[in-house]
């Protein structure tokens, strides 16, 4: 079964995911960004901080 078929089959069970990002000291949903800010958000580089536990 392809990924598209699986997604279509489970469409009723899916929920909308709202992504928030920190902008100018507070959190805002990405979906409320204007065109320019949306493009800027897509260009950001994500990273994973290494744990300094040991």
N, C-alpha and C. Protein backbone atom coordinates (compact mmCIF):
# COMPACT_ATOMS: atom_id res chain seq x y z
N UNK A 1 0.85 -1.18 0.00
CA UNK A 1 0.00 0.00 0.00
C UNK A 1 0.90 1.25 0.00
N UNK A 2 0.61 2.19 -0.86
CA UNK A 2 1.45 3.38 -0.97
C UNK A 2 1.14 4.37 0.16
N UNK A 3 2.03 5.32 0.34
CA UNK A 3 1.85 6.33 1.40
C UNK A 3 0.58 7.15 1.15
N UNK A 4 0.30 7.47 -0.10
CA UNK A 4 -0.89 8.25 -0.44
C UNK A 4 -2.16 7.49 -0.07
N UNK A 5 -2.17 6.19 -0.35
CA UNK A 5 -3.34 5.37 -0.01
C UNK A 5 -3.53 5.28 1.49
N UNK A 6 -2.45 5.15 2.23
CA UNK A 6 -2.53 5.08 3.69
C UNK A 6 -3.09 6.39 4.25
N UNK A 7 -2.57 7.51 3.76
CA UNK A 7 -3.04 8.81 4.24
C UNK A 7 -4.52 9.02 3.92
N UNK A 8 -4.94 8.61 2.74
CA UNK A 8 -6.34 8.76 2.35
C UNK A 8 -7.24 7.88 3.22
N UNK A 9 -6.78 6.68 3.53
CA UNK A 9 -7.56 5.75 4.35
C UNK A 9 -7.73 6.28 5.78
N UNK A 10 -6.70 6.92 6.31
CA UNK A 10 -6.73 7.41 7.69
C UNK A 10 -7.10 8.89 7.81
N UNK A 11 -7.64 9.47 6.76
CA UNK A 11 -7.93 10.90 6.71
C UNK A 11 -8.85 11.35 7.85
N UNK A 12 -9.84 10.56 8.19
CA UNK A 12 -10.80 10.93 9.24
C UNK A 12 -10.16 10.97 10.62
N UNK A 13 -9.12 10.17 10.83
CA UNK A 13 -8.47 10.09 12.14
C UNK A 13 -7.40 11.16 12.36
N UNK A 14 -7.02 11.85 11.29
CA UNK A 14 -5.95 12.84 11.39
C UNK A 14 -6.46 14.13 12.02
N UNK A 15 -5.57 14.82 12.72
CA UNK A 15 -5.90 16.12 13.30
C UNK A 15 -4.91 17.16 12.80
N UNK A 16 -5.33 18.40 12.83
CA UNK A 16 -4.48 19.48 12.36
C UNK A 16 -3.39 19.76 13.39
N UNK A 17 -2.18 19.91 12.93
CA UNK A 17 -1.04 20.21 13.79
C UNK A 17 -0.68 21.68 13.60
N UNK A 18 -0.70 22.45 14.67
CA UNK A 18 -0.34 23.86 14.60
C UNK A 18 1.10 24.02 15.08
N UNK A 19 1.93 24.56 14.21
CA UNK A 19 3.35 24.74 14.51
C UNK A 19 3.56 26.16 15.03
N UNK A 20 4.21 26.27 16.19
CA UNK A 20 4.53 27.57 16.77
C UNK A 20 6.03 27.80 16.67
N UNK A 21 6.41 29.06 16.56
CA UNK A 21 7.80 29.43 16.57
C UNK A 21 7.96 30.70 17.39
N UNK A 22 9.14 30.90 17.93
CA UNK A 22 9.39 32.07 18.76
C UNK A 22 9.83 33.22 17.87
N UNK A 23 9.08 34.30 17.92
CA UNK A 23 9.38 35.49 17.13
C UNK A 23 9.37 36.70 18.05
N UNK A 24 10.50 37.39 18.09
CA UNK A 24 10.61 38.62 18.88
C UNK A 24 10.20 38.43 20.34
N UNK A 25 10.58 37.31 20.92
CA UNK A 25 10.36 37.08 22.34
C UNK A 25 9.05 36.42 22.72
N UNK A 26 8.18 36.12 21.78
CA UNK A 26 6.94 35.43 22.11
C UNK A 26 6.62 34.40 21.03
N UNK A 27 5.72 33.47 21.34
CA UNK A 27 5.41 32.37 20.42
C UNK A 27 4.20 32.72 19.57
N UNK A 28 4.31 32.44 18.26
CA UNK A 28 3.22 32.68 17.31
C UNK A 28 3.05 31.47 16.41
N UNK A 29 1.81 31.17 16.01
CA UNK A 29 1.62 30.07 15.06
C UNK A 29 2.14 30.46 13.68
N UNK A 30 2.83 29.54 13.04
CA UNK A 30 3.42 29.79 11.73
C UNK A 30 2.33 30.09 10.70
N UNK A 31 1.16 29.50 10.84
CA UNK A 31 0.09 29.70 9.85
C UNK A 31 -0.40 31.14 9.80
N UNK A 32 -0.10 31.94 10.82
CA UNK A 32 -0.55 33.34 10.83
C UNK A 32 0.47 34.29 10.20
N UNK A 33 1.60 33.76 9.73
CA UNK A 33 2.65 34.60 9.13
C UNK A 33 2.20 35.13 7.77
N UNK A 34 2.72 36.31 7.41
CA UNK A 34 2.49 36.83 6.07
C UNK A 34 3.44 36.13 5.09
N UNK A 35 3.35 36.46 3.82
CA UNK A 35 4.12 35.76 2.78
C UNK A 35 5.62 35.86 3.04
N UNK A 36 6.11 37.05 3.38
CA UNK A 36 7.54 37.24 3.61
C UNK A 36 8.05 36.46 4.78
N UNK A 37 7.33 36.49 5.89
CA UNK A 37 7.75 35.77 7.10
C UNK A 37 7.67 34.26 6.88
N UNK A 38 6.68 33.79 6.11
CA UNK A 38 6.56 32.37 5.80
C UNK A 38 7.79 31.89 5.02
N UNK A 39 8.21 32.68 4.03
CA UNK A 39 9.41 32.33 3.25
C UNK A 39 10.65 32.31 4.12
N UNK A 40 10.76 33.29 5.00
CA UNK A 40 11.90 33.35 5.91
C UNK A 40 11.92 32.12 6.83
N UNK A 41 10.76 31.71 7.32
CA UNK A 41 10.66 30.56 8.20
C UNK A 41 11.10 29.28 7.49
N UNK A 42 10.74 29.14 6.21
CA UNK A 42 11.14 27.95 5.43
C UNK A 42 12.65 27.88 5.23
N UNK A 43 13.31 29.02 5.16
CA UNK A 43 14.75 29.06 4.91
C UNK A 43 15.58 28.82 6.17
N UNK A 44 14.98 28.84 7.33
CA UNK A 44 15.73 28.65 8.57
C UNK A 44 16.34 27.26 8.63
N UNK A 45 17.50 27.18 9.23
CA UNK A 45 18.19 25.90 9.40
C UNK A 45 17.90 25.39 10.80
N UNK A 46 17.38 24.18 10.88
CA UNK A 46 17.09 23.59 12.18
C UNK A 46 18.28 22.78 12.64
N UNK A 47 18.52 22.75 13.95
CA UNK A 47 19.62 22.00 14.48
C UNK A 47 19.18 21.32 15.77
N UNK A 48 19.94 20.30 16.15
CA UNK A 48 19.70 19.58 17.39
C UNK A 48 20.89 19.84 18.30
N UNK A 49 20.59 20.39 19.47
CA UNK A 49 21.65 20.70 20.41
C UNK A 49 22.15 19.42 21.08
N UNK A 50 23.46 19.25 21.12
CA UNK A 50 24.03 18.06 21.73
C UNK A 50 23.90 18.15 23.25
N UNK A 51 23.61 17.03 23.86
CA UNK A 51 23.48 16.96 25.30
C UNK A 51 24.86 17.01 25.96
N UNK A 52 25.00 17.85 26.95
CA UNK A 52 26.28 17.94 27.69
C UNK A 52 26.11 17.28 29.06
N UNK A 53 25.42 16.16 29.08
CA UNK A 53 25.09 15.46 30.31
C UNK A 53 26.31 14.81 30.96
N UNK A 54 27.31 14.45 30.16
CA UNK A 54 28.45 13.72 30.71
C UNK A 54 29.72 14.45 30.52
